[in-house]
Amino acid sequence: MAKYRVKVHVELVECDDTVNHEPKNNNDGSFSMTISESDAISIDMCEKSVLQTAFPTIREAVSKHLSEISKKKRKKEAWKKERL
């Protein structure tokens, strides 16, 4: 049976982007959000921002994973039928 590694990477880096409290899709499977300096020094706001950004990232990754598993399963079933 196959095994899968779940990997999560979170970065909080200083930037010059405009503050935007909505997660933005970065087209590479990641999402980002830009918060103010006052939010960045608040543990509650940092946690909230990380969780809000993580949610769509997680949903996208799980959706992609399940789609790939489904495709793999269909190919395997088709291969088995061809052999019969």
C-alpha atoms as a PDB file:
ATOM      1  CA  MET A   1       0.000   0.000   0.000  1.00  0.00           C
ATOM      2  CA  ALA A   2       1.266   3.473  -0.890  1.00  0.00           C
ATOM      3  CA  LYS A   3       2.423   5.964   1.721  1.00  0.00           C
ATOM      4  CA  TYR A   4       2.065   9.726   1.516  1.00  0.00           C
ATOM      5  CA  ARG A   5       4.034  12.527   3.139  1.00  0.00           C
ATOM      6  CA  VAL A   6       2.096  15.586   4.249  1.00  0.00           C
ATOM      7  CA  LYS A   7       4.280  18.683   4.214  1.00  0.00           C
ATOM      8  CA  VAL A   8       3.366  22.164   5.410  1.00  0.00           C
ATOM      9  CA  HIS A   9       5.557  25.230   5.106  1.00  0.00           C
ATOM     10  CA  VAL A  10       4.615  28.583   6.669  1.00  0.00           C
ATOM     11  CA  GLU A  11       6.599  31.782   6.166  1.00  0.00           C
ATOM     12  CA  LEU A  12       6.152  35.179   7.740  1.00  0.00           C
ATOM     13  CA  VAL A  13       8.402  37.582   5.865  1.00  0.00           C
ATOM     14  CA  GLU A  14       8.602  41.350   5.756  1.00  0.00           C
ATOM     15  CA  CYS A  15       7.415  42.810   2.444  1.00  0.00           C
ATOM     16  CA  ASP A  16       6.274  46.020   0.745  1.00  0.00           C
ATOM     17  CA  ASP A  17       2.932  44.642  -0.526  1.00  0.00           C
ATOM     18  CA  THR A  18      -0.359  46.366   0.145  1.00  0.00           C
ATOM     19  CA  VAL A  19      -2.198  45.032   3.205  1.00  0.00           C
ATOM     20  CA  ASN A  20      -4.856  42.552   2.126  1.00  0.00           C
ATOM     21  CA  HIS A  21      -6.629  40.380   4.686  1.00  0.00           C
ATOM     22  CA  GLU A  22      -8.033  38.003   2.049  1.00  0.00           C
ATOM     23  CA  PRO A  23      -6.008  34.921   1.070  1.00  0.00           C
ATOM     24  CA  LYS A  24      -4.590  35.322  -2.448  1.00  0.00           C
ATOM     25  CA  ASN A  25      -3.972  32.341  -4.743  1.00  0.00           C
ATOM     26  CA  ASN A  26      -0.362  32.450  -5.949  1.00  0.00           C
ATOM     27  CA  ASN A  27      -0.922  29.935  -8.801  1.00  0.00           C
ATOM     28  CA  ASP A  28       1.733  27.580  -7.421  1.00  0.00           C
ATOM     29  CA  GLY A  29      -0.503  25.783  -4.946  1.00  0.00           C
ATOM     30  CA  SER A  30       0.155  28.312  -2.216  1.00  0.00           C
ATOM     31  CA  PHE A  31      -1.909  31.167  -0.852  1.00  0.00           C
ATOM     32  CA  SER A  32      -0.685  34.324   0.838  1.00  0.00           C
ATOM     33  CA  MET A  33      -2.045  37.235   2.822  1.00  0.00           C
ATOM     34  CA  THR A  34      -0.397  40.561   3.613  1.00  0.00           C
ATOM     35  CA  ILE A  35      -0.926  41.892   7.115  1.00  0.00           C
ATOM     36  CA  SER A  36       0.073  45.118   8.814  1.00  0.00           C
ATOM     37  CA  GLU A  37       3.024  45.448  11.149  1.00  0.00           C
ATOM     38  CA  SER A  38       0.662  45.853  14.105  1.00  0.00           C
ATOM     39  CA  ASP A  39      -1.014  42.536  13.173  1.00  0.00           C
ATOM     40  CA  ALA A  40       2.405  40.917  12.673  1.00  0.00           C
ATOM     41  CA  ILE A  41       3.441  41.643  16.254  1.00  0.00           C
ATOM     42  CA  SER A  42       0.182  40.348  17.737  1.00  0.00           C
ATOM     43  CA  ILE A  43       0.196  36.618  18.433  1.00  0.00           C
ATOM     44  CA  ASP A  44      -3.592  36.455  18.066  1.00  0.00           C
ATOM     45  CA  MET A  45      -3.588  38.257  14.706  1.00  0.00           C
ATOM     46  CA  CYS A  46      -0.616  36.224  13.442  1.00  0.00           C
ATOM     47  CA  GLU A  47      -2.381  32.978  14.337  1.00  0.00           C
ATOM     48  CA  LYS A  48      -5.619  34.176  12.764  1.00  0.00           C
ATOM     49  CA  SER A  49      -3.839  35.221   9.565  1.00  0.00           C
ATOM     50  CA  VAL A  50      -1.907  31.943   9.306  1.00  0.00           C
ATOM     51  CA  LEU A  51      -5.074  29.902   9.827  1.00  0.00           C
ATOM     52  CA  GLN A  52      -7.076  31.978   7.327  1.00  0.00           C
ATOM     53  CA  THR A  53      -4.324  31.539   4.752  1.00  0.00           C
ATOM     54  CA  ALA A  54      -3.817  27.855   5.518  1.00  0.00           C
ATOM     55  CA  PHE A  55      -7.471  26.892   5.046  1.00  0.00           C
ATOM     56  CA  PRO A  56      -7.683  27.468   1.256  1.00  0.00           C
ATOM     57  CA  THR A  57      -4.176  26.045   0.851  1.00  0.00           C
ATOM     58  CA  ILE A  58      -5.215  22.850   2.617  1.00  0.00           C
ATOM     59  CA  ARG A  59      -8.476  22.546   0.667  1.00  0.00           C
ATOM     60  CA  GLU A  60      -6.666  23.024  -2.644  1.00  0.00           C
ATOM     61  CA  ALA A  61      -3.979  20.461  -1.762  1.00  0.00           C
ATOM     62  CA  VAL A  62      -6.491  17.844  -0.576  1.00  0.00           C
ATOM     63  CA  SER A  63      -8.680  18.392  -3.635  1.00  0.00           C
ATOM     64  CA  LYS A  64      -5.710  17.997  -5.972  1.00  0.00           C
ATOM     65  CA  HIS A  65      -4.507  14.912  -4.103  1.00  0.00           C
ATOM     66  CA  LEU A  66      -7.912  13.208  -4.245  1.00  0.00           C
ATOM     67  CA  SER A  67      -8.269  14.008  -7.954  1.00  0.00           C
ATOM     68  CA  GLU A  68      -4.871  12.454  -8.654  1.00  0.00           C
ATOM     69  CA  ILE A  69      -5.730   9.360  -6.598  1.00  0.00           C
ATOM     70  CA  SER A  70      -9.014   9.009  -8.490  1.00  0.00           C
ATOM     71  CA  LYS A  71      -7.239   9.252 -11.863  1.00  0.00           C
ATOM     72  CA  LYS A  72      -4.629   6.729 -10.741  1.00  0.00           C
ATOM     73  CA  LYS A  73      -7.356   4.322  -9.580  1.00  0.00           C
ATOM     74  CA  ARG A  74      -9.256   4.624 -12.898  1.00  0.00           C
ATOM     75  CA  LYS A  75      -6.063   3.922 -14.879  1.00  0.00           C
ATOM     76  CA  LYS A  76      -5.307   0.900 -12.710  1.00  0.00           C
ATOM     77  CA  GLU A  77      -8.848  -0.455 -13.191  1.00  0.00           C
ATOM     78  CA  ALA A  78      -8.652   0.101 -16.965  1.00  0.00           C
ATOM     79  CA  TRP A  79      -5.323  -1.722 -17.091  1.00  0.00           C
ATOM     80  CA  LYS A  80      -6.825  -4.668 -15.172  1.00  0.00           C
ATOM     81  CA  LYS A  81      -9.765  -4.858 -17.611  1.00  0.00           C
ATOM     82  CA  GLU A  82      -7.383  -4.877 -20.581  1.00  0.00           C
ATOM     83  CA  ARG A  83      -5.528  -7.840 -19.133  1.00  0.00           C
ATOM     84  CA  LEU A  84      -8.700  -9.905 -18.800  1.00  0.00           C
END
